[in-house]
Amino acid sequence: MDTLATKTSVKVVGTNGQISLGKEFAGRQVLVEERGPGVWLVRTAMVIPENELWLHQPQAREDLQRALDWAQRNSPKESNPDAIVKRLEDGGRSKGKKGSVRS
């Protein structure tokens, strides 16, 4: 069975109220929970902005996987942007194709 090793160190709180956790944590986000008077639990964390939370939902993962699969099966090919814009302006009808006109 694996056991977690506990590492204890003594830190001094500076006059500005800060302590250093070490350079290996520089720039990292942490959660600080006050468990009681003088007792804190500090854990590294990754924070996801609310407007990006949808990217971490199962449906977004499935959609992205489908898109990646499609991209692997369909290699890029050269296109003519002007022709695409023209076709869109014409309601999606390609030049020379006959069909009913939708309104």
C-alpha atoms as a PDB file:
ATOM      1  CA  MET A   1       0.000   0.000   0.000  1.00  0.00           C
ATOM      2  CA  ASP A   2       1.280   3.464  -0.896  1.00  0.00           C
ATOM      3  CA  THR A   3       1.666   5.948   1.920  1.00  0.00           C
ATOM      4  CA  LEU A   4       1.965   9.682   1.630  1.00  0.00           C
ATOM      5  CA  ALA A   5       5.108  11.131   3.125  1.00  0.00           C
ATOM      6  CA  THR A   6       4.526  14.203   5.245  1.00  0.00           C
ATOM      7  CA  LYS A   7       7.031  17.000   4.873  1.00  0.00           C
ATOM      8  CA  THR A   8       7.052  19.607   7.600  1.00  0.00           C
ATOM      9  CA  SER A   9       8.912  22.881   7.451  1.00  0.00           C
ATOM     10  CA  VAL A  10       8.984  26.048   9.501  1.00  0.00           C
ATOM     11  CA  LYS A  11       8.131  29.287   7.702  1.00  0.00           C
ATOM     12  CA  VAL A  12       8.090  32.828   9.034  1.00  0.00           C
ATOM     13  CA  VAL A  13       5.191  35.083   8.131  1.00  0.00           C
ATOM     14  CA  GLY A  14       6.662  38.347   6.875  1.00  0.00           C
ATOM     15  CA  THR A  15       5.562  41.783   7.965  1.00  0.00           C
ATOM     16  CA  ASN A  16       3.332  41.939   4.901  1.00  0.00           C
ATOM     17  CA  GLY A  17       1.488  38.745   5.976  1.00  0.00           C
ATOM     18  CA  GLN A  18       3.025  36.490   3.329  1.00  0.00           C
ATOM     19  CA  ILE A  19       4.910  33.198   3.392  1.00  0.00           C
ATOM     20  CA  SER A  20       6.896  31.564   0.605  1.00  0.00           C
ATOM     21  CA  LEU A  21       6.050  27.999  -0.416  1.00  0.00           C
ATOM     22  CA  GLY A  22       9.134  27.709  -2.620  1.00  0.00           C
ATOM     23  CA  LYS A  23      10.075  28.443  -6.213  1.00  0.00           C
ATOM     24  CA  GLU A  24       8.491  25.214  -7.481  1.00  0.00           C
ATOM     25  CA  PHE A  25       5.087  26.779  -6.745  1.00  0.00           C
ATOM     26  CA  ALA A  26       5.841  30.190  -8.270  1.00  0.00           C
ATOM     27  CA  GLY A  27       2.941  31.390 -10.399  1.00  0.00           C
ATOM     28  CA  ARG A  28       0.657  28.510  -9.376  1.00  0.00           C
ATOM     29  CA  GLN A  29      -2.835  29.043  -8.046  1.00  0.00           C
ATOM     30  CA  VAL A  30      -3.662  27.607  -4.644  1.00  0.00           C
ATOM     31  CA  LEU A  31      -6.738  27.162  -2.507  1.00  0.00           C
ATOM     32  CA  VAL A  32      -6.278  28.277   1.076  1.00  0.00           C
ATOM     33  CA  GLU A  33      -8.799  26.881   3.568  1.00  0.00           C
ATOM     34  CA  GLU A  34      -8.851  28.132   7.126  1.00  0.00           C
ATOM     35  CA  ARG A  35      -9.674  25.024   9.139  1.00  0.00           C
ATOM     36  CA  GLY A  36      -9.545  26.750  12.495  1.00  0.00           C
ATOM     37  CA  PRO A  37      -7.713  29.554  14.289  1.00  0.00           C
ATOM     38  CA  GLY A  38      -4.120  29.333  13.059  1.00  0.00           C
ATOM     39  CA  VAL A  39      -4.784  26.209  10.934  1.00  0.00           C
ATOM     40  CA  TRP A  40      -4.713  26.436   7.123  1.00  0.00           C
ATOM     41  CA  LEU A  41      -4.808  23.842   4.393  1.00  0.00           C
ATOM     42  CA  VAL A  42      -3.055  24.973   1.206  1.00  0.00           C
ATOM     43  CA  ARG A  43      -3.703  22.984  -1.986  1.00  0.00           C
ATOM     44  CA  THR A  44      -2.610  23.637  -5.562  1.00  0.00           C
ATOM     45  CA  ALA A  45      -5.583  24.179  -7.861  1.00  0.00           C
ATOM     46  CA  MET A  46      -6.613  24.968 -11.405  1.00  0.00           C
ATOM     47  CA  VAL A  47      -9.405  27.514 -11.674  1.00  0.00           C
ATOM     48  CA  ILE A  48     -11.710  27.415 -14.700  1.00  0.00           C
ATOM     49  CA  PRO A  49     -13.394  30.697 -15.656  1.00  0.00           C
ATOM     50  CA  GLU A  50     -17.197  30.337 -15.693  1.00  0.00           C
ATOM     51  CA  ASN A  51     -17.430  31.316 -19.368  1.00  0.00           C
ATOM     52  CA  GLU A  52     -15.100  28.392 -20.250  1.00  0.00           C
ATOM     53  CA  LEU A  53     -16.753  25.809 -18.014  1.00  0.00           C
ATOM     54  CA  TRP A  54     -18.854  24.458 -20.917  1.00  0.00           C
ATOM     55  CA  LEU A  55     -15.628  23.225 -22.539  1.00  0.00           C
ATOM     56  CA  HIS A  56     -15.257  20.700 -19.719  1.00  0.00           C
ATOM     57  CA  GLN A  57     -18.731  19.173 -20.133  1.00  0.00           C
ATOM     58  CA  PRO A  58     -19.200  15.702 -21.728  1.00  0.00           C
ATOM     59  CA  GLN A  59     -21.097  17.070 -24.765  1.00  0.00           C
ATOM     60  CA  ALA A  60     -18.283  19.508 -25.616  1.00  0.00           C
ATOM     61  CA  ARG A  61     -15.754  16.671 -25.291  1.00  0.00           C
ATOM     62  CA  GLU A  62     -17.807  14.502 -27.678  1.00  0.00           C
ATOM     63  CA  ASP A  63     -18.228  17.356 -30.180  1.00  0.00           C
ATOM     64  CA  LEU A  64     -14.511  18.099 -30.103  1.00  0.00           C
ATOM     65  CA  GLN A  65     -13.625  14.423 -30.567  1.00  0.00           C
ATOM     66  CA  ARG A  66     -15.971  14.187 -33.582  1.00  0.00           C
ATOM     67  CA  ALA A  67     -14.374  17.309 -35.077  1.00  0.00           C
ATOM     68  CA  LEU A  68     -10.864  15.927 -34.551  1.00  0.00           C
ATOM     69  CA  ASP A  69     -11.848  12.587 -36.097  1.00  0.00           C
ATOM     70  CA  TRP A  70     -13.341  14.398 -39.110  1.00  0.00           C
ATOM     71  CA  ALA A  71     -10.179  16.502 -39.495  1.00  0.00           C
ATOM     72  CA  GLN A  72      -8.030  13.344 -39.542  1.00  0.00           C
ATOM     73  CA  ARG A  73     -10.210  11.749 -42.252  1.00  0.00           C
ATOM     74  CA  ASN A  74     -10.457  14.901 -44.400  1.00  0.00           C
ATOM     75  CA  SER A  75      -7.194  16.487 -45.414  1.00  0.00           C
ATOM     76  CA  PRO A  76      -7.194  20.231 -46.136  1.00  0.00           C
ATOM     77  CA  LYS A  77      -7.776  21.304 -49.709  1.00  0.00           C
ATOM     78  CA  GLU A  78      -7.472  24.605 -51.471  1.00  0.00           C
ATOM     79  CA  SER A  79     -10.651  26.634 -51.805  1.00  0.00           C
ATOM     80  CA  ASN A  80     -11.814  29.829 -53.439  1.00  0.00           C
ATOM     81  CA  PRO A  81     -13.224  32.147 -50.763  1.00  0.00           C
ATOM     82  CA  ASP A  82     -14.806  34.455 -53.357  1.00  0.00           C
ATOM     83  CA  ALA A  83     -16.735  31.533 -54.864  1.00  0.00           C
ATOM     84  CA  ILE A  84     -17.906  30.426 -51.421  1.00  0.00           C
ATOM     85  CA  VAL A  85     -19.148  33.935 -50.581  1.00  0.00           C
ATOM     86  CA  LYS A  86     -20.915  34.155 -53.947  1.00  0.00           C
ATOM     87  CA  ARG A  87     -22.582  30.786 -53.401  1.00  0.00           C
ATOM     88  CA  LEU A  88     -23.750  31.883 -49.946  1.00  0.00           C
ATOM     89  CA  GLU A  89     -25.090  35.139 -51.351  1.00  0.00           C
ATOM     90  CA  ASP A  90     -27.012  33.112 -53.962  1.00  0.00           C
ATOM     91  CA  GLY A  91     -28.692  31.093 -51.221  1.00  0.00           C
ATOM     92  CA  GLY A  92     -26.278  28.179 -51.394  1.00  0.00           C
ATOM     93  CA  ARG A  93     -27.002  27.287 -55.019  1.00  0.00           C
ATOM     94  CA  SER A  94     -23.997  26.262 -57.057  1.00  0.00           C
ATOM     95  CA  LYS A  95     -23.526  27.658 -60.543  1.00  0.00           C
ATOM     96  CA  GLY A  96     -25.207  25.491 -63.159  1.00  0.00           C
ATOM     97  CA  LYS A  97     -27.375  23.504 -60.753  1.00  0.00           C
ATOM     98  CA  LYS A  98     -31.101  23.533 -61.249  1.00  0.00           C
ATOM     99  CA  GLY A  99     -33.577  23.232 -58.447  1.00  0.00           C
ATOM    100  CA  SER A 100     -36.510  24.817 -56.783  1.00  0.00           C
ATOM    101  CA  VAL A 101     -36.142  28.254 -55.322  1.00  0.00           C
ATOM    102  CA  ARG A 102     -36.847  28.461 -51.617  1.00  0.00           C
ATOM    103  CA  SER A 103     -38.358  31.505 -50.040  1.00  0.00           C
END
